[in-house]
Amino acid sequence: MAGLVSIIMPSYNTGRFIKETIESVLAQSYSDWELILVDDCSKDNTDEVVSQYLADARIRYIKNETNSGAAVSRNRALREAKGKWIAFLDSDDLWAPEKLEKQIRFMEENGYHFSYTNYAEIDEDGKRNGVTVTGPRRVTKSGMVNYCWPGCLTVMYDAEAVGLIQIADIKKNNDYAMWLKVCKKANCYLLDEELALYRRGRQGSISSHSVKELIGWHYKLHKDAEGKNRLVALFNTARNLLFGFYKKKRYVKKKG
């Protein structure tokens, strides 16, 4: 295995969680990484928490001058990234210690340039809720238009094969906008192991909003970020709804 991993982490008012998130990066069995943390004008104690880790030269802390949203923060981090591999971790989610090591091995051994893994859900207090999420073993360009199968915290791609990704400034679904661009360069493959923990239901997170709001964000994704006309954007939004129900039935598993 070889190659620097650039970990893209936007943050906004996650001071309560970000310590545990950074610790999950520090605990990685694969140590050749850089963490690019872009803070979007947090009003909590994020600065204080992050400052405890800046003695580690692998951690780079960048602060936006104005509150700009996750799309702008991720774009900025990607422009700063120096790694062969690009990985994503939101500032309230967690990785298993072997996540990077296993995913790089999976991609190198199979010649893949884009991959994702399974993840489990935790609540705001870090307790598992019994839900695990997986997905199709291969996601093509068309399959990615159908639905956003990868969880952001599980994605990794080969920057040498894919190139620099920059997305439109949309407030929601900006991770999906990235996967749509990456999938134009490479199919996405599933490493069928649970290697991450997603914090679901935190106030302000996308999982805490209504179905009506989610539909609107999908429409804006296809119309504004992907540049599709109104009819195509509506059609692709309908695809997202259909395959969203399919994902819940086929790939979201709950114990008990």
Protein backbone atom coordinates (compact mmCIF):
# COMPACT_ATOMS: atom_id res chain seq x y z
CA MET A 1 0.00 0.00 0.00
CA ALA A 2 1.26 3.48 -0.79
CA GLY A 3 0.03 7.01 -1.11
CA LEU A 4 -1.07 9.96 0.97
CA VAL A 5 -4.76 10.12 1.90
CA SER A 6 -6.32 13.59 2.01
CA ILE A 7 -9.26 13.56 4.42
CA ILE A 8 -11.84 16.24 3.65
CA MET A 9 -13.69 17.48 6.74
CA PRO A 10 -16.02 20.51 6.74
CA SER A 11 -17.18 21.68 10.17
CA TYR A 12 -19.85 23.96 11.56
CA ASN A 13 -20.85 24.06 15.22
CA THR A 14 -19.82 20.47 15.93
CA GLY A 15 -17.57 21.20 18.89
CA ARG A 16 -19.50 18.64 20.92
CA PHE A 17 -18.56 15.83 18.52
CA ILE A 18 -15.42 16.83 16.64
CA LYS A 19 -12.97 15.61 19.30
CA GLU A 20 -14.20 12.04 18.93
CA THR A 21 -14.16 12.39 15.15
CA ILE A 22 -10.54 13.56 15.06
CA GLU A 23 -9.59 10.81 17.50
CA SER A 24 -11.04 8.25 15.07
CA VAL A 25 -8.69 9.62 12.39
CA LEU A 26 -5.69 9.54 14.73
CA ALA A 27 -6.52 5.91 15.55
CA GLN A 28 -6.22 4.78 11.92
CA SER A 29 -3.90 1.84 11.30
CA TYR A 30 -2.89 3.58 8.05
CA SER A 31 -0.91 6.65 9.12
CA ASP A 32 0.00 8.34 5.81
CA TRP A 33 -2.79 10.90 5.80
CA GLU A 34 -3.50 14.61 6.01
CA LEU A 35 -6.67 15.93 7.62
CA ILE A 36 -7.91 19.13 5.95
CA LEU A 37 -10.46 20.61 8.32
CA VAL A 38 -12.35 23.64 6.99
CA ASP A 39 -14.44 25.45 9.58
CA ASP A 40 -17.38 27.51 8.34
CA CYS A 41 -17.43 30.24 11.02
CA SER A 42 -18.54 28.05 13.92
CA LYS A 43 -20.01 29.88 16.90
CA ASP A 44 -19.36 27.15 19.45
CA ASN A 45 -16.12 25.80 20.93
CA THR A 46 -14.84 24.14 17.74
CA ASP A 47 -11.70 26.33 17.69
CA GLU A 48 -10.85 25.38 21.24
CA VAL A 49 -11.27 21.67 20.60
CA VAL A 50 -9.36 21.59 17.30
CA SER A 51 -6.47 23.65 18.71
CA GLN A 52 -5.58 20.69 20.95
CA TYR A 53 -4.59 18.68 17.86
CA LEU A 54 -2.69 21.21 15.74
CA ALA A 55 0.70 20.04 17.04
CA ASP A 56 0.21 17.08 14.69
CA ALA A 57 1.59 18.35 11.36
CA ARG A 58 -0.83 16.09 9.48
CA ILE A 59 -3.79 18.21 10.62
CA ARG A 60 -4.46 21.43 8.70
CA TYR A 61 -7.07 23.84 10.03
CA ILE A 62 -8.57 26.35 7.61
CA LYS A 63 -11.27 28.88 8.50
CA ASN A 64 -13.69 30.46 6.07
CA GLU A 65 -13.92 34.25 6.34
CA THR A 66 -17.72 34.13 6.00
CA ASN A 67 -20.28 31.39 6.57
CA SER A 68 -20.47 29.77 3.13
CA GLY A 69 -21.88 26.25 3.47
CA ALA A 70 -20.49 22.75 3.13
CA ALA A 71 -20.11 22.86 -0.68
CA VAL A 72 -17.73 25.82 -0.51
CA SER A 73 -15.85 24.25 2.41
CA ARG A 74 -15.42 20.91 0.63
CA ASN A 75 -14.34 22.65 -2.59
CA ARG A 76 -11.72 24.60 -0.66
CA ALA A 77 -10.39 21.50 1.06
CA LEU A 78 -10.19 19.65 -2.26
CA ARG A 79 -8.14 22.46 -3.79
CA GLU A 80 -5.73 22.17 -0.86
CA ALA A 81 -5.50 18.37 -0.99
CA LYS A 82 -2.15 16.81 -1.87
CA GLY A 83 -3.04 13.14 -1.58
CA LYS A 84 -3.34 10.38 -4.14
CA TRP A 85 -6.45 9.25 -2.29
CA ILE A 86 -9.36 11.50 -1.29
CA ALA A 87 -11.57 10.45 1.63
CA PHE A 88 -14.47 12.23 3.31
CA LEU A 89 -15.48 12.41 6.96
CA ASP A 90 -17.98 14.87 8.40
CA SER A 91 -17.06 16.40 11.73
CA ASP A 92 -19.63 14.44 13.76
CA ASP A 93 -19.11 10.99 12.21
CA LEU A 94 -16.60 8.25 13.06
CA TRP A 95 -14.34 5.71 11.35
CA ALA A 96 -13.31 2.22 12.40
CA PRO A 97 -9.53 2.06 13.04
CA GLU A 98 -8.84 -0.06 9.95
CA LYS A 99 -11.05 1.94 7.57
CA LEU A 100 -8.34 3.56 5.45
CA GLU A 101 -6.08 0.52 5.40
CA LYS A 102 -8.80 -1.87 4.25
CA GLN A 103 -10.26 0.50 1.69
CA ILE A 104 -6.93 1.29 0.03
CA ARG A 105 -6.08 -2.42 -0.13
CA PHE A 106 -9.52 -3.15 -1.64
CA MET A 107 -9.02 -0.51 -4.34
CA GLU A 108 -5.43 -1.39 -5.18
CA GLU A 109 -5.99 -5.14 -5.36
CA ASN A 110 -8.98 -4.71 -7.70
CA GLY A 111 -7.81 -1.70 -9.71
CA TYR A 112 -10.74 0.44 -8.54
CA HIS A 113 -10.65 4.26 -8.54
CA PHE A 114 -13.84 4.96 -6.55
CA SER A 115 -15.30 3.02 -3.61
CA TYR A 116 -17.51 3.11 -0.55
CA THR A 117 -18.24 0.91 2.47
CA ASN A 118 -21.09 -0.09 4.74
CA TYR A 119 -21.82 1.99 7.84
CA ALA A 120 -23.88 1.81 11.01
CA GLU A 121 -26.02 4.56 12.50
CA ILE A 122 -25.59 6.14 15.91
CA ASP A 123 -27.75 8.71 17.65
CA GLU A 124 -26.74 12.15 18.91
CA ASP A 125 -25.28 10.58 22.05
CA GLY A 126 -23.19 8.05 20.11
CA LYS A 127 -25.39 5.03 20.81
CA ARG A 128 -26.07 2.56 18.01
CA ASN A 129 -29.70 2.43 16.91
CA GLY A 130 -29.44 -1.01 15.30
CA VAL A 131 -29.45 0.29 11.71
CA THR A 132 -26.76 -0.69 9.19
CA VAL A 133 -26.63 0.60 5.61
CA THR A 134 -25.06 -1.04 2.58
CA GLY A 135 -25.63 -0.69 -1.16
CA PRO A 136 -25.09 -2.14 -4.64
CA ARG A 137 -21.75 -3.84 -5.28
CA ARG A 138 -21.19 -1.62 -8.33
CA VAL A 139 -22.64 1.82 -9.05
CA THR A 140 -22.35 3.09 -12.63
CA LYS A 141 -22.89 6.66 -13.84
CA SER A 142 -26.57 5.90 -14.53
CA GLY A 143 -26.92 4.09 -11.22
CA MET A 144 -25.60 7.12 -9.36
CA VAL A 145 -28.20 9.32 -11.05
CA ASN A 146 -30.83 6.91 -9.75
CA TYR A 147 -29.79 7.51 -6.14
CA CYS A 148 -26.98 8.60 -3.85
CA TRP A 149 -25.92 5.11 -2.73
CA PRO A 150 -22.64 5.92 -0.88
CA GLY A 151 -22.60 7.41 2.59
CA CYS A 152 -20.30 10.44 2.49
CA LEU A 153 -18.24 9.20 5.45
CA THR A 154 -17.38 5.99 3.57
CA VAL A 155 -16.27 7.34 0.18
CA MET A 156 -12.73 7.24 -1.20
CA TYR A 157 -11.49 7.97 -4.72
CA ASP A 158 -8.18 8.04 -6.57
CA ALA A 159 -7.38 11.70 -7.28
CA GLU A 160 -4.79 10.76 -9.91
CA ALA A 161 -7.47 8.99 -11.96
CA VAL A 162 -10.41 11.30 -11.22
CA GLY A 163 -8.75 14.73 -11.07
CA LEU A 164 -9.85 17.80 -9.11
CA ILE A 165 -13.56 17.81 -8.30
CA GLN A 166 -15.38 21.10 -7.70
CA ILE A 167 -19.15 21.41 -7.37
CA ALA A 168 -21.78 24.11 -7.60
CA ASP A 169 -22.59 26.07 -4.44
CA ILE A 170 -25.71 24.20 -3.37
CA LYS A 171 -26.64 24.16 0.30
CA LYS A 172 -27.77 20.52 0.50
CA ASN A 173 -26.90 17.29 -1.33
CA ASN A 174 -23.44 18.65 -2.13
CA ASP A 175 -21.88 15.26 -1.37
CA TYR A 176 -24.24 13.68 -3.91
CA ALA A 177 -23.19 16.36 -6.43
CA MET A 178 -19.60 15.20 -5.93
CA TRP A 179 -20.37 11.52 -6.48
CA LEU A 180 -22.23 12.36 -9.69
CA LYS A 181 -19.09 14.07 -10.99
CA VAL A 182 -16.71 11.33 -9.83
CA CYS A 183 -18.92 8.61 -11.34
CA LYS A 184 -18.45 10.23 -14.76
CA LYS A 185 -14.80 9.19 -14.45
CA ALA A 186 -15.06 5.86 -12.60
CA ASN A 187 -17.61 3.31 -11.43
CA CYS A 188 -18.06 3.07 -7.66
CA TYR A 189 -17.52 -0.28 -5.89
CA LEU A 190 -18.70 -1.48 -2.49
CA LEU A 191 -16.30 -2.79 0.14
CA ASP A 192 -18.86 -4.93 1.96
CA GLU A 193 -17.68 -4.22 5.50
CA GLU A 194 -18.99 -1.89 8.21
CA LEU A 195 -16.17 0.63 8.64
CA ALA A 196 -17.89 3.84 9.75
CA LEU A 197 -20.51 5.28 12.10
CA TYR A 198 -22.98 7.91 10.91
CA ARG A 199 -24.53 10.23 13.48
CA ARG A 200 -28.17 10.42 12.48
CA GLY A 201 -30.79 12.93 13.57
CA ARG A 202 -28.51 15.66 14.92
CA GLN A 203 -30.30 19.03 14.89
CA GLY A 204 -29.56 20.76 11.60
CA SER A 205 -28.41 17.59 9.82
CA ILE A 206 -30.04 16.56 6.54
CA SER A 207 -31.61 13.50 8.16
CA SER A 208 -33.66 15.76 10.47
CA HIS A 209 -35.59 17.49 7.66
CA SER A 210 -38.96 16.72 6.05
CA VAL A 211 -39.59 14.68 2.90
CA LYS A 212 -40.88 17.81 1.14
CA GLU A 213 -37.62 19.62 1.82
CA LEU A 214 -35.59 16.62 0.65
CA ILE A 215 -37.52 16.52 -2.65
CA GLY A 216 -36.79 20.21 -3.21
CA TRP A 217 -33.09 19.68 -2.59
CA HIS A 218 -32.94 16.78 -5.05
CA TYR A 219 -34.61 18.94 -7.71
CA LYS A 220 -32.11 21.76 -7.14
CA LEU A 221 -29.25 19.28 -7.32
CA HIS A 222 -30.21 18.07 -10.78
CA LYS A 223 -31.29 21.48 -12.13
CA ASP A 224 -28.68 23.80 -10.62
CA ALA A 225 -25.63 21.62 -9.87
CA GLU A 226 -25.98 19.23 -12.82
CA GLY A 227 -27.38 21.87 -15.20
CA LYS A 228 -30.32 19.78 -16.38
CA ASN A 229 -33.46 21.33 -17.83
CA ARG A 230 -36.66 21.40 -15.79
CA LEU A 231 -38.17 18.21 -17.21
CA VAL A 232 -34.98 16.16 -16.80
CA ALA A 233 -34.50 17.53 -13.28
CA LEU A 234 -38.06 16.49 -12.38
CA PHE A 235 -37.57 13.05 -13.95
CA ASN A 236 -34.31 12.48 -12.06
CA THR A 237 -35.92 13.65 -8.82
CA ALA A 238 -38.67 11.06 -9.37
CA ARG A 239 -35.93 8.44 -9.92
CA ASN A 240 -34.38 9.47 -6.60
CA LEU A 241 -37.72 9.01 -4.81
CA LEU A 242 -38.31 5.59 -6.37
CA PHE A 243 -34.83 4.27 -5.67
CA GLY A 244 -34.86 5.86 -2.23
CA PHE A 245 -37.76 3.58 -1.29
CA TYR A 246 -35.92 0.65 -2.90
CA LYS A 247 -32.79 1.39 -0.86
CA LYS A 248 -34.76 1.37 2.39
CA LYS A 249 -36.24 -2.02 1.53
CA ARG A 250 -33.12 -3.62 0.09
CA TYR A 251 -30.08 -2.05 1.73
CA VAL A 252 -31.11 -0.58 5.10
CA LYS A 253 -31.20 -3.28 7.76
CA LYS A 254 -32.51 -2.89 11.30
CA LYS A 255 -32.05 -5.36 14.09
CA GLY A 256 -35.06 -6.36 16.12
